[in-house]
Amino acid sequence: VLREQQLIVRVPGADGSMTERVQYRSASLSDPGRMEPYRLVREVVCTGACQEQEEAATQEIAQADTEPPPVESEEAPSEP
């Protein structure tokens, strides 16, 4: 059963800006089989080097997903 959805929309502006809108909706309390309408949670407007910043962030996320997590070793207590 779907309980919540998040919608992220990026819209380029004519002046080179980028607007990112984050919308959220959840299941209706009165009818859990129905979803409520989307509500705007956040709107961010980026001007300047928006594309380069987003590409760098995407590359960092992709790199983090491919690298194995650090292994924490636990040393066993030495017996006398």
C-alpha atoms as a PDB file:
ATOM      1  CA  VAL A   1       0.000   0.000   0.000  1.00  0.00           C
ATOM      2  CA  LEU A   2       1.391   3.366  -1.020  1.00  0.00           C
ATOM      3  CA  ARG A   3       1.637   5.672   2.007  1.00  0.00           C
ATOM      4  CA  GLU A   4       3.544   8.694   0.760  1.00  0.00           C
ATOM      5  CA  GLN A   5       5.121  10.203  -2.343  1.00  0.00           C
ATOM      6  CA  GLN A   6       7.723  12.867  -2.907  1.00  0.00           C
ATOM      7  CA  LEU A   7       7.937  14.685  -6.242  1.00  0.00           C
ATOM      8  CA  ILE A   8      11.046  16.685  -7.185  1.00  0.00           C
ATOM      9  CA  VAL A   9      10.782  18.897 -10.275  1.00  0.00           C
ATOM     10  CA  ARG A  10      13.641  20.966 -11.713  1.00  0.00           C
ATOM     11  CA  VAL A  11      12.637  23.695 -14.149  1.00  0.00           C
ATOM     12  CA  PRO A  12      15.272  25.713 -16.054  1.00  0.00           C
ATOM     13  CA  GLY A  13      14.588  29.438 -16.302  1.00  0.00           C
ATOM     14  CA  ALA A  14      15.132  31.662 -19.332  1.00  0.00           C
ATOM     15  CA  ASP A  15      17.904  33.554 -17.526  1.00  0.00           C
ATOM     16  CA  GLY A  16      19.954  30.390 -16.822  1.00  0.00           C
ATOM     17  CA  SER A  17      18.502  29.892 -13.357  1.00  0.00           C
ATOM     18  CA  MET A  18      17.201  26.560 -12.104  1.00  0.00           C
ATOM     19  CA  THR A  19      14.109  26.222  -9.913  1.00  0.00           C
ATOM     20  CA  GLU A  20      13.742  23.062  -7.855  1.00  0.00           C
ATOM     21  CA  ARG A  21      10.337  22.318  -6.328  1.00  0.00           C
ATOM     22  CA  VAL A  22       9.859  19.548  -3.776  1.00  0.00           C
ATOM     23  CA  GLN A  23       6.268  18.417  -3.291  1.00  0.00           C
ATOM     24  CA  TYR A  24       4.909  15.798  -0.905  1.00  0.00           C
ATOM     25  CA  ARG A  25       1.665  13.905  -0.472  1.00  0.00           C
ATOM     26  CA  SER A  26       0.471  11.127   1.789  1.00  0.00           C
ATOM     27  CA  ALA A  27      -2.424   8.719   2.064  1.00  0.00           C
ATOM     28  CA  SER A  28      -5.747  10.204   3.118  1.00  0.00           C
ATOM     29  CA  LEU A  29      -6.618   9.662   6.768  1.00  0.00           C
ATOM     30  CA  SER A  30     -10.269   9.067   5.945  1.00  0.00           C
ATOM     31  CA  ASP A  31      -9.523   6.714   3.014  1.00  0.00           C
ATOM     32  CA  PRO A  32      -6.041   5.099   3.137  1.00  0.00           C
ATOM     33  CA  GLY A  33      -6.505   3.884  -0.458  1.00  0.00           C
ATOM     34  CA  ARG A  34      -6.580   7.496  -1.739  1.00  0.00           C
ATOM     35  CA  MET A  35      -3.719   9.958  -1.857  1.00  0.00           C
ATOM     36  CA  GLU A  36      -4.086  13.578  -0.754  1.00  0.00           C
ATOM     37  CA  PRO A  37      -3.122  16.318  -3.255  1.00  0.00           C
ATOM     38  CA  TYR A  38       0.545  17.360  -3.447  1.00  0.00           C
ATOM     39  CA  ARG A  39       1.712  20.130  -1.111  1.00  0.00           C
ATOM     40  CA  LEU A  40       4.703  22.329  -1.886  1.00  0.00           C
ATOM     41  CA  VAL A  41       7.368  21.646   0.734  1.00  0.00           C
ATOM     42  CA  ARG A  42      10.341  23.560  -0.680  1.00  0.00           C
ATOM     43  CA  GLU A  43      11.199  25.751  -3.641  1.00  0.00           C
ATOM     44  CA  VAL A  44      14.800  26.727  -4.318  1.00  0.00           C
ATOM     45  CA  VAL A  45      15.986  29.001  -7.122  1.00  0.00           C
ATOM     46  CA  CYS A  46      19.620  28.615  -8.135  1.00  0.00           C
ATOM     47  CA  THR A  47      21.348  31.236 -10.278  1.00  0.00           C
ATOM     48  CA  GLY A  48      24.821  31.149 -11.757  1.00  0.00           C
ATOM     49  CA  ALA A  49      26.689  27.839 -12.083  1.00  0.00           C
ATOM     50  CA  CYS A  50      23.698  25.645 -11.201  1.00  0.00           C
ATOM     51  CA  GLN A  51      24.380  22.921 -13.764  1.00  0.00           C
ATOM     52  CA  GLU A  52      27.991  22.421 -12.626  1.00  0.00           C
ATOM     53  CA  GLN A  53      26.954  22.256  -8.961  1.00  0.00           C
ATOM     54  CA  GLU A  54      24.248  19.672  -9.683  1.00  0.00           C
ATOM     55  CA  GLU A  55      26.545  17.543 -11.858  1.00  0.00           C
ATOM     56  CA  ALA A  56      29.222  17.556  -9.131  1.00  0.00           C
ATOM     57  CA  ALA A  57      26.670  16.536  -6.496  1.00  0.00           C
ATOM     58  CA  THR A  58      25.364  13.761  -8.758  1.00  0.00           C
ATOM     59  CA  GLN A  59      28.897  12.468  -9.315  1.00  0.00           C
ATOM     60  CA  GLU A  60      29.582  12.495  -5.559  1.00  0.00           C
ATOM     61  CA  ILE A  61      26.404  10.505  -4.900  1.00  0.00           C
ATOM     62  CA  ALA A  62      27.221   8.001  -7.659  1.00  0.00           C
ATOM     63  CA  GLN A  63      30.755   7.583  -6.345  1.00  0.00           C
ATOM     64  CA  ALA A  64      29.505   7.060  -2.792  1.00  0.00           C
ATOM     65  CA  ASP A  65      27.096   4.381  -4.054  1.00  0.00           C
ATOM     66  CA  THR A  66      29.877   2.433  -5.799  1.00  0.00           C
ATOM     67  CA  GLU A  67      32.481   2.569  -3.036  1.00  0.00           C
ATOM     68  CA  PRO A  68      32.261  -0.199  -0.463  1.00  0.00           C
ATOM     69  CA  PRO A  69      31.517   0.940   3.079  1.00  0.00           C
ATOM     70  CA  PRO A  70      34.485   1.110   5.440  1.00  0.00           C
ATOM     71  CA  VAL A  71      35.055  -2.106   7.333  1.00  0.00           C
ATOM     72  CA  GLU A  72      35.273  -1.786  11.072  1.00  0.00           C
ATOM     73  CA  SER A  73      37.402  -4.525  12.475  1.00  0.00           C
ATOM     74  CA  GLU A  74      36.971  -5.721  15.980  1.00  0.00           C
ATOM     75  CA  GLU A  75      40.031  -7.284  17.479  1.00  0.00           C
ATOM     76  CA  ALA A  76      39.430 -10.389  19.494  1.00  0.00           C
ATOM     77  CA  PRO A  77      40.876 -10.235  22.988  1.00  0.00           C
ATOM     78  CA  SER A  78      44.142 -12.074  23.169  1.00  0.00           C
ATOM     79  CA  GLU A  79      44.295 -15.053  25.475  1.00  0.00           C
ATOM     80  CA  PRO A  80      47.330 -15.367  27.826  1.00  0.00           C
END
